[in-house]
Amino acid sequence: MRRIRKLAAIVAGAVLTTLFVVPAAPATAAPWGCQFSTPYLHYKTAITNTAAYLNPAQWAARYWQETNTPITLSPVTTGANIVIADGYLPSADGYDGMIRTPAGQMENCTYNHNWTTGMYVWWNRTYTDYYTGEKKLSVMVHELGHALGLGHESFTSCNYVSIMEPKTAKRYDDCRKYKPTVADVAFINQIY
């Protein structure tokens, strides 16, 4: 009889705890500060190691294209708003991906926060040559998020981690994020 009462008390406590736990707020991506003036964008690849990087580049663009946002990312050979590239970037020590203008600047936007030029999104092969294809994909979906206007956002729980989590170790190794999340999509819809 004691065992039954004890078990009933444990079950009741678990049920009450479950009922009164307040869930954490979902992730919301922060603005980067610059975005394109239109959601109708063109991208091209400038990949030197096509065997390892072309497929993740195409899938990264496709994942943003397939979101429930006005974003369209069409592949072109000239006239691209976004260039997806790979290279060894010694000036980006510690970063496996980065975004730059064609002149190498970090940001170049107008008073109304629109990019003044196209943007290059890079894999830093110093690090990414050792990544799986899916981990490379996570890096590029993240960098494309910057080009589209998203900033970094950090959360401790994998339930709320955005593709814009700055650390690949957290975003991908711990949480396996390689696609835009619901929060990323919501913020893109606020921008465009």
Foldseek 3Di string as FASTA:
>chain_A
DVVVVVVVVVVVVVVVCVVPDDDDDAWAFAFLQAAAPDLEFEEEEPEPCCVQPVVLLVVLQVLVCPFPAPHHYHYDDDDGLEYEYEEADPVPPPAQKAKAFPVRHRADADPVRYGPGRMYIYGNCVPCVPPHSLLSLLSSNLSVLVHRTTAAIDDDDLVRHASRPRDSCVCPVVNNDRHGDPNSSVVSRVVD
